[in-house]
Amino acid sequence: TKNFRRFLLKNSHLPLAVQKDKLLSEFYQWKGEKSQTDDVLVI
């Protein structure tokens, strides 16, 4: 959670469409080859 909040705050000044792209990139870079472990919802 701490890292997720930090990530959102760091990118909150950007347009929402750019934030979405950054979130997706961060998620897939973080998990790498690991399977997705849970549903992911960010609105």
PDB file of all heavy atoms in Angstrom:
ATOM      1  N   THR A   1       0.817  -1.209   0.000  1.00  0.00           N
ATOM      2  CA  THR A   1       0.000   0.000   0.000  1.00  0.00           C
ATOM      3  C   THR A   1       0.851   1.260   0.000  1.00  0.00           C
ATOM      4  O   THR A   1       0.557   2.228  -0.708  1.00  0.00           O
ATOM      5  CB  THR A   1      -0.958  -0.005   1.212  1.00  0.00           C
ATOM      6  OG1 THR A   1      -1.776  -1.173   1.138  1.00  0.00           O
ATOM      7  CG2 THR A   1      -1.830   1.234   1.243  1.00  0.00           C
ATOM      8  N   LYS A   2       1.908   1.282   0.803  1.00  0.00           N
ATOM      9  CA  LYS A   2       2.779   2.456   0.885  1.00  0.00           C
ATOM     10  C   LYS A   2       3.348   2.808  -0.484  1.00  0.00           C
ATOM     11  O   LYS A   2       3.342   3.970  -0.891  1.00  0.00           O
ATOM     12  CB  LYS A   2       3.907   2.193   1.884  1.00  0.00           C
ATOM     13  CG  LYS A   2       4.947   3.292   1.967  1.00  0.00           C
ATOM     14  CD  LYS A   2       6.011   2.974   3.004  1.00  0.00           C
ATOM     15  CE  LYS A   2       6.860   1.829   2.514  1.00  0.00           C
ATOM     16  NZ  LYS A   2       8.016   1.544   3.354  1.00  0.00           N
ATOM     17  N   ASN A   3       3.811   1.810  -1.218  1.00  0.00           N
ATOM     18  CA  ASN A   3       4.369   2.044  -2.557  1.00  0.00           C
ATOM     19  C   ASN A   3       3.289   2.489  -3.540  1.00  0.00           C
ATOM     20  O   ASN A   3       3.535   3.337  -4.400  1.00  0.00           O
ATOM     21  CB  ASN A   3       5.064   0.794  -3.073  1.00  0.00           C
ATOM     22  CG  ASN A   3       6.281   0.451  -2.259  1.00  0.00           C
ATOM     23  OD1 ASN A   3       6.985   1.328  -1.770  1.00  0.00           O
ATOM     24  ND2 ASN A   3       6.521  -0.827  -2.079  1.00  0.00           N
ATOM     25  N   PHE A   4       2.100   1.901  -3.412  1.00  0.00           N
ATOM     26  CA  PHE A   4       1.000   2.254  -4.304  1.00  0.00           C
ATOM     27  C   PHE A   4       0.588   3.711  -4.093  1.00  0.00           C
ATOM     28  O   PHE A   4       0.426   4.472  -5.051  1.00  0.00           O
ATOM     29  CB  PHE A   4      -0.181   1.314  -4.074  1.00  0.00           C
ATOM     30  CG  PHE A   4      -1.315   1.507  -5.033  1.00  0.00           C
ATOM     31  CD1 PHE A   4      -1.141   1.327  -6.391  1.00  0.00           C
ATOM     32  CD2 PHE A   4      -2.569   1.856  -4.566  1.00  0.00           C
ATOM     33  CE1 PHE A   4      -2.191   1.504  -7.281  1.00  0.00           C
ATOM     34  CE2 PHE A   4      -3.626   2.035  -5.445  1.00  0.00           C
ATOM     35  CZ  PHE A   4      -3.439   1.853  -6.797  1.00  0.00           C
ATOM     36  N   ARG A   5       0.434   4.127  -2.845  1.00  0.00           N
ATOM     37  CA  ARG A   5       0.082   5.519  -2.550  1.00  0.00           C
ATOM     38  C   ARG A   5       1.165   6.473  -3.050  1.00  0.00           C
ATOM     39  O   ARG A   5       0.867   7.520  -3.614  1.00  0.00           O
ATOM     40  CB  ARG A   5      -0.126   5.702  -1.053  1.00  0.00           C
ATOM     41  CG  ARG A   5      -1.396   5.086  -0.550  1.00  0.00           C
ATOM     42  CD  ARG A   5      -1.553   5.316   0.922  1.00  0.00           C
ATOM     43  NE  ARG A   5      -2.796   4.713   1.393  1.00  0.00           N
ATOM     44  CZ  ARG A   5      -3.086   4.532   2.654  1.00  0.00           C
ATOM     45  NH1 ARG A   5      -2.235   4.906   3.598  1.00  0.00           N
ATOM     46  NH2 ARG A   5      -4.231   3.986   3.001  1.00  0.00           N
ATOM     47  N   ARG A   6       2.400   6.108  -2.831  1.00  0.00           N
ATOM     48  CA  ARG A   6       3.516   6.941  -3.291  1.00  0.00           C
ATOM     49  C   ARG A   6       3.475   7.073  -4.814  1.00  0.00           C
ATOM     50  O   ARG A   6       3.687   8.156  -5.357  1.00  0.00           O
ATOM     51  CB  ARG A   6       4.841   6.325  -2.833  1.00  0.00           C
ATOM     52  CG  ARG A   6       6.050   7.210  -3.089  1.00  0.00           C
ATOM     53  CD  ARG A   6       7.324   6.591  -2.576  1.00  0.00           C
ATOM     54  NE  ARG A   6       7.250   6.366  -1.144  1.00  0.00           N
ATOM     55  CZ  ARG A   6       7.749   5.307  -0.514  1.00  0.00           C
ATOM     56  NH1 ARG A   6       8.391   4.374  -1.166  1.00  0.00           N
ATOM     57  NH2 ARG A   6       7.630   5.188   0.794  1.00  0.00           N
ATOM     58  N   PHE A   7       3.202   5.977  -5.503  1.00  0.00           N
ATOM     59  CA  PHE A   7       3.121   6.000  -6.958  1.00  0.00           C
ATOM     60  C   PHE A   7       1.990   6.913  -7.426  1.00  0.00           C
ATOM     61  O   PHE A   7       2.172   7.725  -8.335  1.00  0.00           O
ATOM     62  CB  PHE A   7       2.925   4.578  -7.496  1.00  0.00           C
ATOM     63  CG  PHE A   7       2.897   4.515  -8.985  1.00  0.00           C
ATOM     64  CD1 PHE A   7       4.075   4.408  -9.709  1.00  0.00           C
ATOM     65  CD2 PHE A   7       1.699   4.566  -9.676  1.00  0.00           C
ATOM     66  CE1 PHE A   7       4.057   4.367 -11.099  1.00  0.00           C
ATOM     67  CE2 PHE A   7       1.670   4.524 -11.055  1.00  0.00           C
ATOM     68  CZ  PHE A   7       2.854   4.423 -11.772  1.00  0.00           C
ATOM     69  N   LEU A   8       0.802   6.794  -6.811  1.00  0.00           N
ATOM     70  CA  LEU A   8      -0.328   7.639  -7.203  1.00  0.00           C
ATOM     71  C   LEU A   8      -0.017   9.116  -6.966  1.00  0.00           C
ATOM     72  O   LEU A   8      -0.286   9.961  -7.821  1.00  0.00           O
ATOM     73  CB  LEU A   8      -1.590   7.247  -6.427  1.00  0.00           C
ATOM     74  CG  LEU A   8      -2.230   5.923  -6.790  1.00  0.00           C
ATOM     75  CD1 LEU A   8      -3.422   5.655  -5.886  1.00  0.00           C
ATOM     76  CD2 LEU A   8      -2.637   5.867  -8.249  1.00  0.00           C
ATOM     77  N   LEU A   9       0.558   9.426  -5.825  1.00  0.00           N
ATOM     78  CA  LEU A   9       0.880  10.819  -5.511  1.00  0.00           C
ATOM     79  C   LEU A   9       1.906  11.389  -6.487  1.00  0.00           C
ATOM     80  O   LEU A   9       1.764  12.509  -6.977  1.00  0.00           O
ATOM     81  CB  LEU A   9       1.400  10.920  -4.074  1.00  0.00           C
ATOM     82  CG  LEU A   9       1.685  12.336  -3.572  1.00  0.00           C
ATOM     83  CD1 LEU A   9       0.444  13.202  -3.648  1.00  0.00           C
ATOM     84  CD2 LEU A   9       2.209  12.281  -2.154  1.00  0.00           C
ATOM     85  N   LYS A  10       2.914  10.606  -6.805  1.00  0.00           N
ATOM     86  CA  LYS A  10       3.968  11.041  -7.724  1.00  0.00           C
ATOM     87  C   LYS A  10       3.415  11.377  -9.110  1.00  0.00           C
ATOM     88  O   LYS A  10       3.928  12.266  -9.798  1.00  0.00           O
ATOM     89  CB  LYS A  10       5.028   9.941  -7.821  1.00  0.00           C
ATOM     90  CG  LYS A  10       6.140  10.205  -8.801  1.00  0.00           C
ATOM     91  CD  LYS A  10       7.114   9.049  -8.777  1.00  0.00           C
ATOM     92  CE  LYS A  10       7.684   8.799 -10.145  1.00  0.00           C
ATOM     93  NZ  LYS A  10       8.497   7.596 -10.210  1.00  0.00           N
ATOM     94  N   ASN A  11       2.350  10.681  -9.512  1.00  0.00           N
ATOM     95  CA  ASN A  11       1.804  10.841 -10.862  1.00  0.00           C
ATOM     96  C   ASN A  11       0.476  11.586 -10.911  1.00  0.00           C
ATOM     97  O   ASN A  11      -0.087  11.776 -11.990  1.00  0.00           O
ATOM     98  CB  ASN A  11       1.645   9.461 -11.512  1.00  0.00           C
ATOM     99  CG  ASN A  11       2.982   8.815 -11.771  1.00  0.00           C
ATOM    100  OD1 ASN A  11       3.697   9.231 -12.675  1.00  0.00           O
ATOM    101  ND2 ASN A  11       3.349   7.845 -10.957  1.00  0.00           N
ATOM    102  N   SER A  12      -0.025  12.042  -9.773  1.00  0.00           N
ATOM    103  CA  SER A  12      -1.362  12.638  -9.707  1.00  0.00           C
ATOM    104  C   SER A  12      -1.492  13.954 -10.482  1.00  0.00           C
ATOM    105  O   SER A  12      -2.597  14.360 -10.825  1.00  0.00           O
ATOM    106  CB  SER A  12      -1.790  12.849  -8.255  1.00  0.00           C
ATOM    107  OG  SER A  12      -0.929  13.771  -7.614  1.00  0.00           O
ATOM    108  N   HIS A  13      -0.390  14.608 -10.788  1.00  0.00           N
ATOM    109  CA  HIS A  13      -0.439  15.865 -11.540  1.00  0.00           C
ATOM    110  C   HIS A  13      -0.633  15.636 -13.044  1.00  0.00           C
ATOM    111  O   HIS A  13      -0.940  16.564 -13.779  1.00  0.00           O
ATOM    112  CB  HIS A  13       0.858  16.664 -11.314  1.00  0.00           C
ATOM    113  CG  HIS A  13       2.057  16.037 -11.934  1.00  0.00           C
ATOM    114  ND1 HIS A  13       2.676  14.929 -11.372  1.00  0.00           N
ATOM    115  CD2 HIS A  13       2.736  16.315 -13.064  1.00  0.00           C
ATOM    116  CE1 HIS A  13       3.691  14.575 -12.146  1.00  0.00           C
ATOM    117  NE2 HIS A  13       3.752  15.395 -13.177  1.00  0.00           N
ATOM    118  N   LEU A  14      -0.464  14.402 -13.476  1.00  0.00           N
ATOM    119  CA  LEU A  14      -0.566  14.074 -14.900  1.00  0.00           C
ATOM    120  C   LEU A  14      -2.024  13.881 -15.313  1.00  0.00           C
ATOM    121  O   LEU A  14      -2.876  13.555 -14.484  1.00  0.00           O
ATOM    122  CB  LEU A  14       0.225  12.795 -15.186  1.00  0.00           C
ATOM    123  CG  LEU A  14       1.717  12.857 -14.885  1.00  0.00           C
ATOM    124  CD1 LEU A  14       2.327  11.474 -14.966  1.00  0.00           C
ATOM    125  CD2 LEU A  14       2.411  13.827 -15.834  1.00  0.00           C
ATOM    126  N   PRO A  15      -2.336  14.035 -16.603  1.00  0.00           N
ATOM    127  CA  PRO A  15      -3.691  13.727 -17.085  1.00  0.00           C
ATOM    128  C   PRO A  15      -4.047  12.270 -16.760  1.00  0.00           C
ATOM    129  O   PRO A  15      -3.177  11.392 -16.725  1.00  0.00           O
ATOM    130  CB  PRO A  15      -3.594  13.943 -18.598  1.00  0.00           C
ATOM    131  CG  PRO A  15      -2.428  14.861 -18.790  1.00  0.00           C
ATOM    132  CD  PRO A  15      -1.468  14.523 -17.679  1.00  0.00           C
ATOM    133  N   LEU A  16      -5.328  12.025 -16.542  1.00  0.00           N
ATOM    134  CA  LEU A  16      -5.762  10.680 -16.149  1.00  0.00           C
ATOM    135  C   LEU A  16      -5.369   9.612 -17.170  1.00  0.00           C
ATOM    136  O   LEU A  16      -5.003   8.492 -16.786  1.00  0.00           O
ATOM    137  CB  LEU A  16      -7.272  10.653 -15.898  1.00  0.00           C
ATOM    138  CG  LEU A  16      -7.746  11.407 -14.659  1.00  0.00           C
ATOM    139  CD1 LEU A  16      -9.271  11.360 -14.564  1.00  0.00           C
ATOM    140  CD2 LEU A  16      -7.122  10.852 -13.395  1.00  0.00           C
ATOM    141  N   ALA A  17      -5.425   9.912 -18.441  1.00  0.00           N
ATOM    142  CA  ALA A  17      -5.052   8.931 -19.469  1.00  0.00           C
ATOM    143  C   ALA A  17      -3.584   8.542 -19.338  1.00  0.00           C
ATOM    144  O   ALA A  17      -3.225   7.370 -19.506  1.00  0.00           O
ATOM    145  CB  ALA A  17      -5.333   9.475 -20.864  1.00  0.00           C
ATOM    146  N   VAL A  18      -2.731   9.501 -19.013  1.00  0.00           N
ATOM    147  CA  VAL A  18      -1.304   9.219 -18.823  1.00  0.00           C
ATOM    148  C   VAL A  18      -1.107   8.415 -17.538  1.00  0.00           C
ATOM    149  O   VAL A  18      -0.306   7.474 -17.491  1.00  0.00           O
ATOM    150  CB  VAL A  18      -0.482  10.532 -18.785  1.00  0.00           C
ATOM    151  CG1 VAL A  18       0.977  10.263 -18.464  1.00  0.00           C
ATOM    152  CG2 VAL A  18      -0.618  11.275 -20.114  1.00  0.00           C
ATOM    153  N   GLN A  19      -1.867   8.758 -16.492  1.00  0.00           N
ATOM    154  CA  GLN A  19      -1.782   7.995 -15.244  1.00  0.00           C
ATOM    155  C   GLN A  19      -2.158   6.534 -15.480  1.00  0.00           C
ATOM    156  O   GLN A  19      -1.520   5.626 -14.942  1.00  0.00           O
ATOM    157  CB  GLN A  19      -2.701   8.594 -14.182  1.00  0.00           C
ATOM    158  CG  GLN A  19      -2.243   9.922 -13.649  1.00  0.00           C
ATOM    159  CD  GLN A  19      -3.139  10.419 -12.540  1.00  0.00           C
ATOM    160  OE1 GLN A  19      -3.431   9.692 -11.609  1.00  0.00           O
ATOM    161  NE2 GLN A  19      -3.567  11.670 -12.648  1.00  0.00           N
ATOM    162  N   LYS A  20      -3.188   6.319 -16.285  1.00  0.00           N
ATOM    163  CA  LYS A  20      -3.601   4.943 -16.603  1.00  0.00           C
ATOM    164  C   LYS A  20      -2.456   4.181 -17.255  1.00  0.00           C
ATOM    165  O   LYS A  20      -2.149   3.051 -16.861  1.00  0.00           O
ATOM    166  CB  LYS A  20      -4.815   4.957 -17.528  1.00  0.00           C
ATOM    167  CG  LYS A  20      -5.230   3.585 -18.005  1.00  0.00           C
ATOM    168  CD  LYS A  20      -6.313   3.679 -19.061  1.00  0.00           C
ATOM    169  CE  LYS A  20      -6.579   2.324 -19.667  1.00  0.00           C
ATOM    170  NZ  LYS A  20      -7.498   2.399 -20.807  1.00  0.00           N
ATOM    171  N   ASP A  21      -1.829   4.792 -18.253  1.00  0.00           N
ATOM    172  CA  ASP A  21      -0.712   4.137 -18.941  1.00  0.00           C
ATOM    173  C   ASP A  21       0.422   3.829 -17.975  1.00  0.00           C
ATOM    174  O   ASP A  21       1.016   2.751 -18.022  1.00  0.00           O
ATOM    175  CB  ASP A  21      -0.201   5.011 -20.086  1.00  0.00           C
ATOM    176  CG  ASP A  21      -1.207   5.139 -21.213  1.00  0.00           C
ATOM    177  OD1 ASP A  21      -2.143   4.315 -21.299  1.00  0.00           O
ATOM    178  OD2 ASP A  21      -1.052   6.087 -22.021  1.00  0.00           O
ATOM    179  N   LYS A  22       0.721   4.762 -17.085  1.00  0.00           N
ATOM    180  CA  LYS A  22       1.798   4.553 -16.125  1.00  0.00           C
ATOM    181  C   LYS A  22       1.451   3.449 -15.124  1.00  0.00           C
ATOM    182  O   LYS A  22       2.298   2.656 -14.739  1.00  0.00           O
ATOM    183  CB  LYS A  22       2.135   5.855 -15.405  1.00  0.00           C
ATOM    184  CG  LYS A  22       2.881   6.845 -16.298  1.00  0.00           C
ATOM    185  CD  LYS A  22       3.357   8.044 -15.498  1.00  0.00           C
ATOM    186  CE  LYS A  22       4.278   8.911 -16.311  1.00  0.00           C
ATOM    187  NZ  LYS A  22       5.596   8.334 -16.514  1.00  0.00           N
ATOM    188  N   LEU A  23       0.183   3.415 -14.691  1.00  0.00           N
ATOM    189  CA  LEU A  23      -0.255   2.348 -13.784  1.00  0.00           C
ATOM    190  C   LEU A  23      -0.118   0.976 -14.428  1.00  0.00           C
ATOM    191  O   LEU A  23       0.379   0.033 -13.810  1.00  0.00           O
ATOM    192  CB  LEU A  23      -1.711   2.564 -13.360  1.00  0.00           C
ATOM    193  CG  LEU A  23      -1.960   3.516 -12.214  1.00  0.00           C
ATOM    194  CD1 LEU A  23      -3.424   3.928 -12.161  1.00  0.00           C
ATOM    195  CD2 LEU A  23      -1.542   2.874 -10.899  1.00  0.00           C
ATOM    196  N   LEU A  24      -0.568   0.869 -15.667  1.00  0.00           N
ATOM    197  CA  LEU A  24      -0.456  -0.407 -16.374  1.00  0.00           C
ATOM    198  C   LEU A  24       1.003  -0.822 -16.535  1.00  0.00           C
ATOM    199  O   LEU A  24       1.363  -1.979 -16.295  1.00  0.00           O
ATOM    200  CB  LEU A  24      -1.132  -0.325 -17.748  1.00  0.00           C
ATOM    201  CG  LEU A  24      -2.655  -0.331 -17.736  1.00  0.00           C
ATOM    202  CD1 LEU A  24      -3.195   0.031 -19.116  1.00  0.00           C
ATOM    203  CD2 LEU A  24      -3.176  -1.676 -17.279  1.00  0.00           C
ATOM    204  N   SER A  25       1.826   0.119 -16.919  1.00  0.00           N
ATOM    205  CA  SER A  25       3.251  -0.170 -17.091  1.00  0.00           C
ATOM    206  C   SER A  25       3.885  -0.607 -15.775  1.00  0.00           C
ATOM    207  O   SER A  25       4.630  -1.590 -15.723  1.00  0.00           O
ATOM    208  CB  SER A  25       3.952   1.069 -17.640  1.00  0.00           C
ATOM    209  OG  SER A  25       5.327   0.834 -17.762  1.00  0.00           O
ATOM    210  N   GLU A  26       3.586   0.114 -14.712  1.00  0.00           N
ATOM    211  CA  GLU A  26       4.137  -0.216 -13.391  1.00  0.00           C
ATOM    212  C   GLU A  26       3.689  -1.603 -12.950  1.00  0.00           C
ATOM    213  O   GLU A  26       4.469  -2.392 -12.428  1.00  0.00           O
ATOM    214  CB  GLU A  26       3.698   0.838 -12.364  1.00  0.00           C
ATOM    215  CG  GLU A  26       4.191   0.609 -10.961  1.00  0.00           C
ATOM    216  CD  GLU A  26       5.645   0.953 -10.750  1.00  0.00           C
ATOM    217  OE1 GLU A  26       6.327   1.383 -11.701  1.00  0.00           O
ATOM    218  OE2 GLU A  26       6.118   0.781  -9.608  1.00  0.00           O
ATOM    219  N   PHE A  27       2.399  -1.905 -13.145  1.00  0.00           N
ATOM    220  CA  PHE A  27       1.857  -3.195 -12.728  1.00  0.00           C
ATOM    221  C   PHE A  27       2.552  -4.347 -13.454  1.00  0.00           C
ATOM    222  O   PHE A  27       3.023  -5.293 -12.830  1.00  0.00           O
ATOM    223  CB  PHE A  27       0.350  -3.247 -12.981  1.00  0.00           C
ATOM    224  CG  PHE A  27      -0.281  -4.528 -12.536  1.00  0.00           C
ATOM    225  CD1 PHE A  27      -0.521  -4.768 -11.194  1.00  0.00           C
ATOM    226  CD2 PHE A  27      -0.638  -5.500 -13.452  1.00  0.00           C
ATOM    227  CE1 PHE A  27      -1.091  -5.958 -10.766  1.00  0.00           C
ATOM    228  CE2 PHE A  27      -1.213  -6.686 -13.043  1.00  0.00           C
ATOM    229  CZ  PHE A  27      -1.440  -6.918 -11.690  1.00  0.00           C
ATOM    230  N   TYR A  28       2.636  -4.253 -14.777  1.00  0.00           N
ATOM    231  CA  TYR A  28       3.227  -5.351 -15.543  1.00  0.00           C
ATOM    232  C   TYR A  28       4.736  -5.450 -15.340  1.00  0.00           C
ATOM    233  O   TYR A  28       5.294  -6.549 -15.339  1.00  0.00           O
ATOM    234  CB  TYR A  28       2.858  -5.245 -17.017  1.00  0.00           C
ATOM    235  CG  TYR A  28       1.401  -5.579 -17.241  1.00  0.00           C
ATOM    236  CD1 TYR A  28       0.490  -4.611 -17.639  1.00  0.00           C
ATOM    237  CD2 TYR A  28       0.926  -6.865 -17.001  1.00  0.00           C
ATOM    238  CE1 TYR A  28      -0.852  -4.913 -17.810  1.00  0.00           C
ATOM    239  CE2 TYR A  28      -0.413  -7.181 -17.167  1.00  0.00           C
ATOM    240  CZ  TYR A  28      -1.293  -6.202 -17.572  1.00  0.00           C
ATOM    241  OH  TYR A  28      -2.619  -6.511 -17.723  1.00  0.00           O
ATOM    242  N   GLN A  29       5.376  -4.322 -15.135  1.00  0.00           N
ATOM    243  CA  GLN A  29       6.809  -4.357 -14.835  1.00  0.00           C
ATOM    244  C   GLN A  29       7.042  -4.995 -13.466  1.00  0.00           C
ATOM    245  O   GLN A  29       7.971  -5.774 -13.286  1.00  0.00           O
ATOM    246  CB  GLN A  29       7.387  -2.942 -14.866  1.00  0.00           C
ATOM    247  CG  GLN A  29       8.884  -2.907 -14.650  1.00  0.00           C
ATOM    248  CD  GLN A  29       9.447  -1.497 -14.743  1.00  0.00           C
ATOM    249  OE1 GLN A  29       8.714  -0.520 -14.870  1.00  0.00           O
ATOM    250  NE2 GLN A  29      10.749  -1.392 -14.675  1.00  0.00           N
ATOM    251  N   TRP A  30       6.186  -4.678 -12.493  1.00  0.00           N
ATOM    252  CA  TRP A  30       6.332  -5.229 -11.142  1.00  0.00           C
ATOM    253  C   TRP A  30       6.119  -6.737 -11.139  1.00  0.00           C
ATOM    254  O   TRP A  30       6.923  -7.481 -10.588  1.00  0.00           O
ATOM    255  CB  TRP A  30       5.340  -4.565 -10.184  1.00  0.00           C
ATOM    256  CG  TRP A  30       5.334  -5.210  -8.833  1.00  0.00           C
ATOM    257  CD1 TRP A  30       4.429  -6.109  -8.348  1.00  0.00           C
ATOM    258  CD2 TRP A  30       6.310  -5.039  -7.802  1.00  0.00           C
ATOM    259  NE1 TRP A  30       4.780  -6.494  -7.083  1.00  0.00           N
ATOM    260  CE2 TRP A  30       5.929  -5.851  -6.723  1.00  0.00           C
ATOM    261  CE3 TRP A  30       7.470  -4.278  -7.689  1.00  0.00           C
ATOM    262  CZ2 TRP A  30       6.664  -5.916  -5.539  1.00  0.00           C
ATOM    263  CZ3 TRP A  30       8.203  -4.349  -6.510  1.00  0.00           C
ATOM    264  CH2 TRP A  30       7.800  -5.157  -5.462  1.00  0.00           C
ATOM    265  N   LYS A  31       5.024  -7.192 -11.747  1.00  0.00           N
ATOM    266  CA  LYS A  31       4.712  -8.617 -11.667  1.00  0.00           C
ATOM    267  C   LYS A  31       5.595  -9.467 -12.575  1.00  0.00           C
ATOM    268  O   LYS A  31       5.802 -10.636 -12.300  1.00  0.00           O
ATOM    269  CB  LYS A  31       3.228  -8.884 -11.916  1.00  0.00           C
ATOM    270  CG  LYS A  31       2.773  -8.908 -13.329  1.00  0.00           C
ATOM    271  CD  LYS A  31       1.306  -9.286 -13.394  1.00  0.00           C
ATOM    272  CE  LYS A  31       0.908  -9.776 -14.745  1.00  0.00           C
ATOM    273  NZ  LYS A  31       1.506 -11.016 -15.163  1.00  0.00           N
ATOM    274  N   GLY A  32       6.136  -8.867 -13.636  1.00  0.00           N
ATOM    275  CA  GLY A  32       6.996  -9.632 -14.528  1.00  0.00           C
ATOM    276  C   GLY A  32       6.292 -10.874 -15.032  1.00  0.00           C
ATOM    277  O   GLY A  32       5.168 -10.808 -15.515  1.00  0.00           O
ATOM    278  N   GLU A  33       6.945 -12.009 -14.879  1.00  0.00           N
ATOM    279  CA  GLU A  33       6.385 -13.284 -15.347  1.00  0.00           C
ATOM    280  C   GLU A  33       5.448 -13.934 -14.337  1.00  0.00           C
ATOM    281  O   GLU A  33       4.852 -14.970 -14.622  1.00  0.00           O
ATOM    282  CB  GLU A  33       7.526 -14.251 -15.685  1.00  0.00           C
ATOM    283  CG  GLU A  33       8.428 -13.772 -16.817  1.00  0.00           C
ATOM    284  CD  GLU A  33       7.679 -13.649 -18.129  1.00  0.00           C
ATOM    285  OE1 GLU A  33       6.868 -14.528 -18.463  1.00  0.00           O
ATOM    286  OE2 GLU A  33       7.905 -12.644 -18.834  1.00  0.00           O
ATOM    287  N   LYS A  34       5.307 -13.345 -13.159  1.00  0.00           N
ATOM    288  CA  LYS A  34       4.403 -13.899 -12.135  1.00  0.00           C
ATOM    289  C   LYS A  34       2.964 -13.833 -12.626  1.00  0.00           C
ATOM    290  O   LYS A  34       2.575 -12.936 -13.370  1.00  0.00           O
ATOM    291  CB  LYS A  34       4.502 -13.100 -10.831  1.00  0.00           C
ATOM    292  CG  LYS A  34       5.818 -13.209 -10.125  1.00  0.00           C
ATOM    293  CD  LYS A  34       5.757 -14.333  -9.151  1.00  0.00           C
ATOM    294  CE  LYS A  34       7.026 -14.349  -8.309  1.00  0.00           C
ATOM    295  NZ  LYS A  34       7.140 -15.527  -7.545  1.00  0.00           N
ATOM    296  N   SER A  35       2.157 -14.779 -12.179  1.00  0.00           N
ATOM    297  CA  SER A  35       0.724 -14.746 -12.481  1.00  0.00           C
ATOM    298  C   SER A  35       0.069 -13.633 -11.687  1.00  0.00           C
ATOM    299  O   SER A  35       0.521 -13.297 -10.585  1.00  0.00           O
ATOM    300  CB  SER A  35       0.072 -16.075 -12.094  1.00  0.00           C
ATOM    301  OG  SER A  35       0.596 -17.119 -12.869  1.00  0.00           O
ATOM    302  N   GLN A  36      -0.998 -13.092 -12.239  1.00  0.00           N
ATOM    303  CA  GLN A  36      -1.757 -12.091 -11.496  1.00  0.00           C
ATOM    304  C   GLN A  36      -2.424 -12.783 -10.324  1.00  0.00           C
ATOM    305  O   GLN A  36      -3.068 -13.820 -10.481  1.00  0.00           O
ATOM    306  CB  GLN A  36      -2.796 -11.430 -12.406  1.00  0.00           C
ATOM    307  CG  GLN A  36      -3.521 -10.285 -11.743  1.00  0.00           C
ATOM    308  CD  GLN A  36      -4.351  -9.481 -12.720  1.00  0.00           C
ATOM    309  OE1 GLN A  36      -3.981  -9.323 -13.883  1.00  0.00           O
ATOM    310  NE2 GLN A  36      -5.474  -8.967 -12.251  1.00  0.00           N
ATOM    311  N   THR A  37      -2.274 -12.232  -9.118  1.00  0.00           N
ATOM    312  CA  THR A  37      -2.726 -12.908  -7.906  1.00  0.00           C
ATOM    313  C   THR A  37      -4.112 -12.491  -7.450  1.00  0.00           C
ATOM    314  O   THR A  37      -4.679 -13.138  -6.585  1.00  0.00           O
ATOM    315  CB  THR A  37      -1.733 -12.661  -6.748  1.00  0.00           C
ATOM    316  OG1 THR A  37      -1.567 -11.255  -6.580  1.00  0.00           O
ATOM    317  CG2 THR A  37      -0.397 -13.299  -7.033  1.00  0.00           C
ATOM    318  N   ASP A  38      -4.667 -11.415  -8.002  1.00  0.00           N
ATOM    319  CA  ASP A  38      -5.958 -10.915  -7.538  1.00  0.00           C
ATOM    320  C   ASP A  38      -6.536 -10.008  -8.620  1.00  0.00           C
ATOM    321  O   ASP A  38      -5.837  -9.609  -9.545  1.00  0.00           O
ATOM    322  CB  ASP A  38      -5.736 -10.111  -6.241  1.00  0.00           C
ATOM    323  CG  ASP A  38      -7.000  -9.917  -5.408  1.00  0.00           C
ATOM    324  OD1 ASP A  38      -8.099 -10.309  -5.873  1.00  0.00           O
ATOM    325  OD2 ASP A  38      -6.911  -9.366  -4.306  1.00  0.00           O
ATOM    326  N   ASP A  39      -7.819  -9.681  -8.450  1.00  0.00           N
ATOM    327  CA  ASP A  39      -8.407  -8.688  -9.352  1.00  0.00           C
ATOM    328  C   ASP A  39      -7.791  -7.327  -9.046  1.00  0.00           C
ATOM    329  O   ASP A  39      -7.354  -7.079  -7.922  1.00  0.00           O
ATOM    330  CB  ASP A  39      -9.925  -8.639  -9.189  1.00  0.00           C
ATOM    331  CG  ASP A  39     -10.337  -8.163  -7.800  1.00  0.00           C
ATOM    332  OD1 ASP A  39      -9.748  -8.656  -6.820  1.00  0.00           O
ATOM    333  OD2 ASP A  39     -11.213  -7.301  -7.684  1.00  0.00           O
ATOM    334  N   VAL A  40      -7.703  -6.481 -10.036  1.00  0.00           N
ATOM    335  CA  VAL A  40      -7.124  -5.152  -9.850  1.00  0.00           C
ATOM    336  C   VAL A  40      -8.130  -4.122 -10.359  1.00  0.00           C
ATOM    337  O   VAL A  40      -8.561  -4.179 -11.510  1.00  0.00           O
ATOM    338  CB  VAL A  40      -5.792  -4.995 -10.615  1.00  0.00           C
ATOM    339  CG1 VAL A  40      -5.262  -3.582 -10.483  1.00  0.00           C
ATOM    340  CG2 VAL A  40      -4.765  -6.005 -10.114  1.00  0.00           C
ATOM    341  N   LEU A  41      -8.499  -3.206  -9.471  1.00  0.00           N
ATOM    342  CA  LEU A  41      -9.423  -2.143  -9.830  1.00  0.00           C
ATOM    343  C   LEU A  41      -8.827  -0.822  -9.372  1.00  0.00           C
ATOM    344  O   LEU A  41      -8.472  -0.673  -8.202  1.00  0.00           O
ATOM    345  CB  LEU A  41     -10.778  -2.346  -9.151  1.00  0.00           C
ATOM    346  CG  LEU A  41     -11.775  -1.200  -9.318  1.00  0.00           C
ATOM    347  CD1 LEU A  41     -12.289  -1.150 -10.753  1.00  0.00           C
ATOM    348  CD2 LEU A  41     -12.918  -1.343  -8.342  1.00  0.00           C
ATOM    349  N   VAL A  42      -8.690   0.118 -10.296  1.00  0.00           N
ATOM    350  CA  VAL A  42      -8.249   1.476  -9.965  1.00  0.00           C
ATOM    351  C   VAL A  42      -9.133   2.425 -10.770  1.00  0.00           C
ATOM    352  O   VAL A  42      -9.159   2.366 -11.996  1.00  0.00           O
ATOM    353  CB  VAL A  42      -6.765   1.724 -10.319  1.00  0.00           C
ATOM    354  CG1 VAL A  42      -6.376   3.148  -9.949  1.00  0.00           C
ATOM    355  CG2 VAL A  42      -5.867   0.715  -9.638  1.00  0.00           C
ATOM    356  N   ILE A  43      -9.879   3.264 -10.066  1.00  0.00           N
ATOM    357  CA  ILE A  43     -10.723   4.255 -10.707  1.00  0.00           C
ATOM    358  C   ILE A  43     -10.253   5.624 -10.229  1.00  0.00           C
ATOM    359  O   ILE A  43     -10.164   5.866  -9.025  1.00  0.00           O
ATOM    360  CB  ILE A  43     -12.207   4.069 -10.336  1.00  0.00           C
ATOM    361  CG1 ILE A  43     -12.701   2.705 -10.792  1.00  0.00           C
ATOM    362  CG2 ILE A  43     -13.057   5.199 -10.944  1.00  0.00           C
ATOM    363  CD1 ILE A  43     -14.118   2.379 -10.319  1.00  0.00           C
TER     364      ILE A  43
END
